[in-house]
Amino acid sequence: MDGPDYFIGVAQQALWILALAAAPVLIPALLCGIVIGMVQAATSINEATLTFVPKLIVVGICLALFGSAILMLMVDFTQDIFARIPEITR
């Protein structure tokens, strides 16, 4: 097992897991922010809580729906990393 290539592969896998874990929360929050921004632009209402509260609700709903899947994804990755430790020490 080649050292630098191995760690680059682990870093790439970690970034991919990070993207998969963050997407179910960030994408709906982004879409909610865009819709609310368009409503604010159309109505000229510039209230800070009008953007914060709906995004908070959307993020909470997404975490309730996808939280267990995100957690299992991270647990599997962590177990895989710990299982690879004996290969590194050879």
Protein backbone atom coordinates (compact mmCIF):
# COMPACT_ATOMS: atom_id res chain seq x y z
CA MET A 1 0.00 0.00 0.00
CA ASP A 2 1.45 3.30 -1.12
CA GLY A 3 1.32 5.97 1.58
CA PRO A 4 0.55 9.28 -0.15
CA ASP A 5 -1.88 7.77 -2.66
CA TYR A 6 -3.72 5.97 0.11
CA PHE A 7 -4.23 9.15 2.13
CA ILE A 8 -5.30 11.12 -0.93
CA GLY A 9 -7.90 8.43 -1.60
CA VAL A 10 -9.15 8.64 1.98
CA ALA A 11 -9.35 12.44 1.73
CA GLN A 12 -11.31 12.19 -1.53
CA GLN A 13 -13.69 9.70 0.07
CA ALA A 14 -14.11 11.99 3.09
CA LEU A 15 -14.98 14.95 0.86
CA TRP A 16 -17.51 12.85 -1.05
CA ILE A 17 -19.13 11.71 2.23
CA LEU A 18 -19.22 15.33 3.37
CA ALA A 19 -21.01 16.38 0.18
CA LEU A 20 -23.52 13.54 0.52
CA ALA A 21 -24.16 14.39 4.16
CA ALA A 22 -24.59 18.13 3.61
CA ALA A 23 -26.66 18.08 0.41
CA PRO A 24 -30.00 16.92 1.90
CA VAL A 25 -29.94 19.91 4.25
CA LEU A 26 -28.24 22.62 2.19
CA ILE A 27 -30.15 22.21 -1.08
CA PRO A 28 -33.65 22.66 0.42
CA ALA A 29 -32.38 25.60 2.52
CA LEU A 30 -30.94 27.18 -0.62
CA LEU A 31 -34.18 26.72 -2.53
CA CYS A 32 -36.18 28.14 0.38
CA GLY A 33 -33.86 31.15 0.51
CA ILE A 34 -34.25 31.78 -3.22
CA VAL A 35 -38.05 31.60 -3.05
CA ILE A 36 -38.20 33.89 -0.02
CA GLY A 37 -35.76 36.30 -1.67
CA MET A 38 -37.98 36.50 -4.74
CA VAL A 39 -41.04 37.13 -2.56
CA GLN A 40 -39.17 39.84 -0.67
CA ALA A 41 -38.06 41.46 -3.91
CA ALA A 42 -41.59 41.41 -5.28
CA THR A 43 -43.20 42.82 -2.15
CA SER A 44 -40.35 45.11 -0.97
CA ILE A 45 -40.52 43.58 2.51
CA ASN A 46 -37.01 43.49 3.97
CA GLU A 47 -37.44 41.78 7.31
CA ALA A 48 -34.54 39.64 8.53
CA THR A 49 -36.71 37.21 10.44
CA LEU A 50 -38.74 36.55 7.31
CA THR A 51 -35.73 34.79 5.78
CA PHE A 52 -34.36 33.16 8.91
CA VAL A 53 -37.43 31.43 10.37
CA PRO A 54 -38.60 29.56 7.22
CA LYS A 55 -35.06 28.37 6.49
CA LEU A 56 -34.76 27.18 10.09
CA ILE A 57 -38.01 25.26 9.74
CA VAL A 58 -36.92 23.72 6.42
CA VAL A 59 -33.56 22.66 7.88
CA GLY A 60 -35.30 21.13 10.91
CA ILE A 61 -37.68 19.16 8.69
CA CYS A 62 -34.82 17.96 6.49
CA LEU A 63 -32.82 16.85 9.51
CA ALA A 64 -35.85 14.99 10.84
CA LEU A 65 -36.34 13.26 7.48
CA PHE A 66 -32.73 12.60 6.47
CA GLY A 67 -30.91 12.66 9.81
CA SER A 68 -30.78 8.91 10.27
CA ALA A 69 -29.50 8.37 6.71
CA ILE A 70 -26.81 11.01 7.20
CA LEU A 71 -25.81 9.46 10.52
CA MET A 72 -25.60 5.96 9.01
CA LEU A 73 -23.48 7.31 6.14
CA MET A 74 -21.03 8.84 8.60
CA VAL A 75 -21.01 5.75 10.84
CA ASP A 76 -20.22 3.51 7.86
CA PHE A 77 -17.40 5.81 6.80
CA THR A 78 -15.96 5.91 10.31
CA GLN A 79 -16.11 2.12 10.63
CA ASP A 80 -14.39 1.78 7.25
CA ILE A 81 -11.61 4.13 8.36
CA PHE A 82 -11.11 2.21 11.61
CA ALA A 83 -11.09 -1.10 9.71
CA ARG A 84 -8.29 0.23 7.49
CA ILE A 85 -5.97 1.04 10.41
CA PRO A 86 -4.23 -2.39 10.42
CA GLU A 87 -3.44 -1.96 6.70
CA ILE A 88 -1.67 1.33 7.38
CA THR A 89 0.64 -0.07 10.05
CA ARG A 90 2.06 -2.80 7.79
